[in-house]
Amino acid sequence: MTVIIALDVGERRIGVAASDPTGLLASPVGAIIRNDLASTLDGIGSVARDRGATAILVGVPLGLLGEATTRSEDIRSLANRIEAHTGLPMVFRDERNTSQDALRLATAGDLAGGHVDALSGGSSTGRRARLRPIPSVREREARRRRIDALAATVLLQAYLDERRRLEEALKDALDDRAGDNETDILGLPDPGIDGKR
């Protein structure tokens, strides 16, 4: 099958996810720091080569009515550079809310980490809170990278699920149509509602 790489493009980082070869599951890969254009393109190209990607899905933030924004135009411009660098086709998808969804998932899965732990106080009714140290700059940056990669994963999984639903609907429609054609081709009467000929 094919592997698709997904990019959640931010101002400082690009979250990266990849599908499995069957096109069923998306997994986080990591995040690429946007130091300069050349290193950004090389980083994306390296991931695409390592994963054997055949296409790149790019999240584009559209306006409330689905219209292009300044940010979406900037991302499309970067995508054109990525396409020229990798030779892979670009697929665009509206990515509104993927970062918020990723943050919710990260928080639920304790990827984002909290500053307060709720600990059992020895009774079934009481709880006491213990403050944890504020994360270091390095820990916060690692957390942001995980969330960016998770945002790309959310984007890619939604795309894979939608594509699979469309493929199944198309297959069902073609199967239905093939059955009709078979009846016509063989000169058999229409099976009718009860399925009897």
Foldseek 3Di string as FASTA:
>chain_A
DFKEWEWEDDPFKIWIWMADRVLQAIDTDWIDGPPDLVSVLVVVLVVCVVRVHQAYEYEAAADPVRHHDPRNVVSVVSVVVSCVSNVHYYHYDHLPCLLVVLVVVCVVVCLLPDQWDWDDPPDPPDTDIDGDDDDDPVSNVRSVGSSNSSSRRSVSNVVSVVVVVVVVVVVVVVVVVVVVVVCVVVVHDDCPDVNHD
